[in-house]
Amino acid sequence: MKKRFISLTLVVLTAFVLKTPSSAQLPPEEVTIVENIEVIPSHIVIEDLSIDLPVKKALIVDGYWEVFEDSAAWGDQSGYLGQKGNQVISAHAREGMFYNLKNAKNGMVVTVSAGENNFNYKIVSVKKVLPSQIDVVAPTEDETLTLYTCSDYADSKRLIVVAKRV
């Protein structure tokens, strides 16, 4: 439904622009709608690691992103698919979730879907950090996917897998 709305909006705006002497006369809010499409992930697959999970939007509650028992979580206010920024997806480090992420290797492909659209990323780094090292989820200048889960004894560290769009 959203795809049809976007297509219809583009057709209407294109017809409007063609009939308008200057695109500068377009109302700014209509231009903004076209330029700032928010593409939120709905599914993540890493075939090499047997990871295949739905993704839900995780809101910030008491200073932390929500974590779900039945799916991965896309961090609200992190980047959007297909745009510059750091798209952060996290999940518990347990069977059926991000447990196998500990076996991630550079070069593996991560596919993130938003409806019928697939976005492919290649893993470029795998590292462990302390929970206090929040710079790993900071905005980036390019399109970056960061996968985030707990690791080590008593979840004392965080496993960070960074991938770039291919």
C-alpha atoms as a PDB file:
ATOM      1  CA  MET A   1       0.000   0.000   0.000  1.00  0.00           C
ATOM      2  CA  LYS A   2       2.817   2.416   0.899  1.00  0.00           C
ATOM      3  CA  LYS A   3       4.545   1.636  -2.423  1.00  0.00           C
ATOM      4  CA  ARG A   4       1.385   2.540  -4.358  1.00  0.00           C
ATOM      5  CA  PHE A   5       1.008   5.747  -2.333  1.00  0.00           C
ATOM      6  CA  ILE A   6       4.590   6.758  -3.087  1.00  0.00           C
ATOM      7  CA  SER A   7       4.164   5.959  -6.800  1.00  0.00           C
ATOM      8  CA  LEU A   8       0.889   7.876  -6.955  1.00  0.00           C
ATOM      9  CA  THR A   9       2.454  10.821  -5.129  1.00  0.00           C
ATOM     10  CA  LEU A  10       5.351  10.869  -7.598  1.00  0.00           C
ATOM     11  CA  VAL A  11       2.968  10.787 -10.579  1.00  0.00           C
ATOM     12  CA  VAL A  12       0.851  13.612  -9.156  1.00  0.00           C
ATOM     13  CA  LEU A  13       3.920  15.707  -8.286  1.00  0.00           C
ATOM     14  CA  THR A  14       5.480  15.064 -11.720  1.00  0.00           C
ATOM     15  CA  ALA A  15       2.293  16.221 -13.458  1.00  0.00           C
ATOM     16  CA  PHE A  16       2.209  19.274 -11.190  1.00  0.00           C
ATOM     17  CA  VAL A  17       5.855  20.125 -11.946  1.00  0.00           C
ATOM     18  CA  LEU A  18       5.325  19.766 -15.704  1.00  0.00           C
ATOM     19  CA  LYS A  19       2.407  22.203 -15.583  1.00  0.00           C
ATOM     20  CA  THR A  20       4.276  24.625 -13.302  1.00  0.00           C
ATOM     21  CA  PRO A  21       6.710  27.106 -14.910  1.00  0.00           C
ATOM     22  CA  SER A  22       9.292  26.628 -12.149  1.00  0.00           C
ATOM     23  CA  SER A  23       9.772  23.786  -9.658  1.00  0.00           C
ATOM     24  CA  ALA A  24      10.651  26.499  -7.114  1.00  0.00           C
ATOM     25  CA  GLN A  25       6.911  27.201  -6.943  1.00  0.00           C
ATOM     26  CA  LEU A  26       6.214  23.746  -5.468  1.00  0.00           C
ATOM     27  CA  PRO A  27       5.086  23.793  -1.841  1.00  0.00           C
ATOM     28  CA  PRO A  28       8.137  22.772   0.273  1.00  0.00           C
ATOM     29  CA  GLU A  29       6.259  20.083   2.215  1.00  0.00           C
ATOM     30  CA  GLU A  30       5.450  18.181  -0.986  1.00  0.00           C
ATOM     31  CA  VAL A  31       9.103  18.172  -2.038  1.00  0.00           C
ATOM     32  CA  THR A  32      10.071  16.937   1.443  1.00  0.00           C
ATOM     33  CA  ILE A  33       7.711  13.956   1.198  1.00  0.00           C
ATOM     34  CA  VAL A  34       9.477  12.742  -1.937  1.00  0.00           C
ATOM     35  CA  GLU A  35      13.028  13.374  -0.679  1.00  0.00           C
ATOM     36  CA  ASN A  36      12.644  11.880   2.823  1.00  0.00           C
ATOM     37  CA  ILE A  37      11.085   8.464   2.339  1.00  0.00           C
ATOM     38  CA  GLU A  38      11.686   6.450   5.513  1.00  0.00           C
ATOM     39  CA  VAL A  39      12.448   2.822   4.643  1.00  0.00           C
ATOM     40  CA  ILE A  40      12.269   0.713   7.804  1.00  0.00           C
ATOM     41  CA  PRO A  41      13.469  -2.921   7.791  1.00  0.00           C
ATOM     42  CA  SER A  42      10.958  -5.740   8.213  1.00  0.00           C
ATOM     43  CA  HIS A  43      13.217  -8.810   7.827  1.00  0.00           C
ATOM     44  CA  ILE A  44      16.891  -9.825   8.056  1.00  0.00           C
ATOM     45  CA  VAL A  45      18.606 -12.883   6.547  1.00  0.00           C
ATOM     46  CA  ILE A  46      22.208 -14.053   6.818  1.00  0.00           C
ATOM     47  CA  GLU A  47      22.146 -17.355   4.938  1.00  0.00           C
ATOM     48  CA  ASP A  48      25.725 -18.337   5.899  1.00  0.00           C
ATOM     49  CA  LEU A  49      24.742 -18.166   9.588  1.00  0.00           C
ATOM     50  CA  SER A  50      21.184 -19.564   9.328  1.00  0.00           C
ATOM     51  CA  ILE A  51      19.760 -16.274  10.616  1.00  0.00           C
ATOM     52  CA  ASP A  52      16.280 -15.478   9.278  1.00  0.00           C
ATOM     53  CA  LEU A  53      14.257 -13.109  11.457  1.00  0.00           C
ATOM     54  CA  PRO A  54      11.446 -10.599  11.253  1.00  0.00           C
ATOM     55  CA  VAL A  55      12.451  -7.087  12.326  1.00  0.00           C
ATOM     56  CA  LYS A  56      10.301  -4.746  14.417  1.00  0.00           C
ATOM     57  CA  LYS A  57      10.756  -1.053  15.138  1.00  0.00           C
ATOM     58  CA  ALA A  58      12.261  -0.613  18.613  1.00  0.00           C
ATOM     59  CA  LEU A  59      11.423   2.580  20.461  1.00  0.00           C
ATOM     60  CA  ILE A  60      13.702   4.158  23.043  1.00  0.00           C
ATOM     61  CA  VAL A  61      12.343   3.413  26.519  1.00  0.00           C
ATOM     62  CA  ASP A  62      14.142   4.783  29.586  1.00  0.00           C
ATOM     63  CA  GLY A  63      17.221   5.523  27.483  1.00  0.00           C
ATOM     64  CA  TYR A  64      17.476   2.083  25.833  1.00  0.00           C
ATOM     65  CA  TRP A  65      16.107   0.557  22.638  1.00  0.00           C
ATOM     66  CA  GLU A  66      13.468  -2.084  23.169  1.00  0.00           C
ATOM     67  CA  VAL A  67      14.561  -5.717  22.738  1.00  0.00           C
ATOM     68  CA  PHE A  68      12.054  -8.320  21.554  1.00  0.00           C
ATOM     69  CA  GLU A  69      11.730 -12.004  22.441  1.00  0.00           C
ATOM     70  CA  ASP A  70      10.426 -13.036  19.007  1.00  0.00           C
ATOM     71  CA  SER A  71      12.262 -10.827  16.502  1.00  0.00           C
ATOM     72  CA  ALA A  72      15.206  -8.577  15.780  1.00  0.00           C
ATOM     73  CA  ALA A  73      14.832  -4.868  16.512  1.00  0.00           C
ATOM     74  CA  TRP A  74      15.575  -1.863  14.284  1.00  0.00           C
ATOM     75  CA  GLY A  75      16.575   1.026  16.517  1.00  0.00           C
ATOM     76  CA  ASP A  76      14.220   3.971  16.157  1.00  0.00           C
ATOM     77  CA  GLN A  77      16.178   7.107  15.251  1.00  0.00           C
ATOM     78  CA  SER A  78      18.951   5.075  13.621  1.00  0.00           C
ATOM     79  CA  GLY A  79      19.415   5.263   9.840  1.00  0.00           C
ATOM     80  CA  TYR A  80      16.944   4.250   7.138  1.00  0.00           C
ATOM     81  CA  LEU A  81      17.602   1.611   4.495  1.00  0.00           C
ATOM     82  CA  GLY A  82      18.914   3.013   1.239  1.00  0.00           C
ATOM     83  CA  GLN A  83      20.085   6.265   2.833  1.00  0.00           C
ATOM     84  CA  LYS A  84      23.252   7.580   4.453  1.00  0.00           C
ATOM     85  CA  GLY A  85      23.407   6.719   8.126  1.00  0.00           C
ATOM     86  CA  ASN A  86      23.868   3.858  10.557  1.00  0.00           C
ATOM     87  CA  GLN A  87      20.980   1.385  10.472  1.00  0.00           C
ATOM     88  CA  VAL A  88      21.177  -0.526  13.762  1.00  0.00           C
ATOM     89  CA  ILE A  89      19.539  -3.938  14.110  1.00  0.00           C
ATOM     90  CA  SER A  90      19.857  -5.877  17.359  1.00  0.00           C
ATOM     91  CA  ALA A  91      18.618  -9.165  18.793  1.00  0.00           C
ATOM     92  CA  HIS A  92      19.230 -11.475  21.732  1.00  0.00           C
ATOM     93  CA  ALA A  93      22.261 -13.795  21.462  1.00  0.00           C
ATOM     94  CA  ARG A  94      20.213 -16.979  21.696  1.00  0.00           C
ATOM     95  CA  GLU A  95      19.222 -19.857  19.419  1.00  0.00           C
ATOM     96  CA  GLY A  96      16.813 -18.729  16.721  1.00  0.00           C
ATOM     97  CA  MET A  97      17.924 -15.119  17.116  1.00  0.00           C
ATOM     98  CA  PHE A  98      21.480 -13.653  16.765  1.00  0.00           C
ATOM     99  CA  TYR A  99      23.241 -16.611  18.476  1.00  0.00           C
ATOM    100  CA  ASN A 100      25.114 -17.583  15.287  1.00  0.00           C
ATOM    101  CA  LEU A 101      26.252 -13.995  14.737  1.00  0.00           C
ATOM    102  CA  LYS A 102      29.352 -14.961  16.772  1.00  0.00           C
ATOM    103  CA  ASN A 103      30.487 -16.886  13.663  1.00  0.00           C
ATOM    104  CA  ALA A 104      30.214 -13.867  11.322  1.00  0.00           C
ATOM    105  CA  LYS A 105      33.126 -13.323   8.947  1.00  0.00           C
ATOM    106  CA  ASN A 106      34.121 -10.496   6.625  1.00  0.00           C
ATOM    107  CA  GLY A 107      32.604 -10.931   3.180  1.00  0.00           C
ATOM    108  CA  MET A 108      29.397 -12.648   4.313  1.00  0.00           C
ATOM    109  CA  VAL A 109      26.223 -11.180   2.818  1.00  0.00           C
ATOM    110  CA  VAL A 110      23.392  -9.759   4.936  1.00  0.00           C
ATOM    111  CA  THR A 111      20.032  -9.155   3.258  1.00  0.00           C
ATOM    112  CA  VAL A 112      17.639  -6.736   4.916  1.00  0.00           C
ATOM    113  CA  SER A 113      14.134  -6.436   3.506  1.00  0.00           C
ATOM    114  CA  ALA A 114      11.585  -3.660   3.676  1.00  0.00           C
ATOM    115  CA  GLY A 115       8.402  -5.091   2.234  1.00  0.00           C
ATOM    116  CA  GLU A 116       9.289  -6.387  -1.226  1.00  0.00           C
ATOM    117  CA  ASN A 117      12.554  -4.408  -1.440  1.00  0.00           C
ATOM    118  CA  ASN A 118      15.838  -6.156  -0.573  1.00  0.00           C
ATOM    119  CA  PHE A 119      19.009  -4.346   0.497  1.00  0.00           C
ATOM    120  CA  ASN A 120      22.244  -6.377   0.388  1.00  0.00           C
ATOM    121  CA  TYR A 121      25.214  -5.625   2.595  1.00  0.00           C
ATOM    122  CA  LYS A 122      28.645  -7.242   2.909  1.00  0.00           C
ATOM    123  CA  ILE A 123      30.220  -7.685   6.356  1.00  0.00           C
ATOM    124  CA  VAL A 124      33.375  -5.563   6.668  1.00  0.00           C
ATOM    125  CA  SER A 125      34.197  -5.888  10.385  1.00  0.00           C
ATOM    126  CA  VAL A 126      33.419  -7.992  13.436  1.00  0.00           C
ATOM    127  CA  LYS A 127      34.466  -6.845  16.905  1.00  0.00           C
ATOM    128  CA  LYS A 128      33.601  -6.944  20.590  1.00  0.00           C
ATOM    129  CA  VAL A 129      33.168  -3.786  22.642  1.00  0.00           C
ATOM    130  CA  LEU A 130      32.131  -2.846  26.157  1.00  0.00           C
ATOM    131  CA  PRO A 131      28.454  -1.908  26.656  1.00  0.00           C
ATOM    132  CA  SER A 132      29.564   1.666  27.389  1.00  0.00           C
ATOM    133  CA  GLN A 133      31.104   2.035  23.911  1.00  0.00           C
ATOM    134  CA  ILE A 134      28.039   3.538  22.275  1.00  0.00           C
ATOM    135  CA  ASP A 135      29.967   5.141  19.410  1.00  0.00           C
ATOM    136  CA  VAL A 136      29.310   1.933  17.427  1.00  0.00           C
ATOM    137  CA  VAL A 137      25.669   3.005  16.983  1.00  0.00           C
ATOM    138  CA  ALA A 138      26.434   6.646  16.193  1.00  0.00           C
ATOM    139  CA  PRO A 139      25.339   8.120  12.834  1.00  0.00           C
ATOM    140  CA  THR A 140      27.686   7.505   9.886  1.00  0.00           C
ATOM    141  CA  GLU A 141      28.505   9.497   6.750  1.00  0.00           C
ATOM    142  CA  ASP A 142      27.724   6.550   4.462  1.00  0.00           C
ATOM    143  CA  GLU A 143      25.106   3.800   4.386  1.00  0.00           C
ATOM    144  CA  THR A 144      26.112   1.386   7.148  1.00  0.00           C
ATOM    145  CA  LEU A 145      24.366  -1.585   8.731  1.00  0.00           C
ATOM    146  CA  THR A 146      25.365  -2.380  12.311  1.00  0.00           C
ATOM    147  CA  LEU A 147      24.245  -5.654  13.908  1.00  0.00           C
ATOM    148  CA  TYR A 148      24.392  -5.616  17.701  1.00  0.00           C
ATOM    149  CA  THR A 149      24.075  -8.411  20.262  1.00  0.00           C
ATOM    150  CA  CYS A 150      25.437  -9.464  23.655  1.00  0.00           C
ATOM    151  CA  SER A 151      28.518 -11.676  24.027  1.00  0.00           C
ATOM    152  CA  ASP A 152      30.996 -13.145  26.480  1.00  0.00           C
ATOM    153  CA  TYR A 153      30.486 -14.293  30.052  1.00  0.00           C
ATOM    154  CA  ALA A 154      27.368 -12.804  31.663  1.00  0.00           C
ATOM    155  CA  ASP A 155      26.821 -10.639  28.552  1.00  0.00           C
ATOM    156  CA  SER A 156      29.761  -8.465  29.620  1.00  0.00           C
ATOM    157  CA  LYS A 157      30.527  -7.359  26.048  1.00  0.00           C
ATOM    158  CA  ARG A 158      28.682  -6.505  22.842  1.00  0.00           C
ATOM    159  CA  LEU A 159      29.341  -8.188  19.516  1.00  0.00           C
ATOM    160  CA  ILE A 160      29.288  -5.602  16.722  1.00  0.00           C
ATOM    161  CA  VAL A 161      29.060  -6.656  13.075  1.00  0.00           C
ATOM    162  CA  VAL A 162      29.388  -3.831  10.545  1.00  0.00           C
ATOM    163  CA  ALA A 163      28.300  -4.238   6.919  1.00  0.00           C
ATOM    164  CA  LYS A 164      28.339  -1.927   3.896  1.00  0.00           C
ATOM    165  CA  ARG A 165      25.831  -1.812   1.022  1.00  0.00           C
ATOM    166  CA  VAL A 166      26.778  -3.713  -2.129  1.00  0.00           C
END
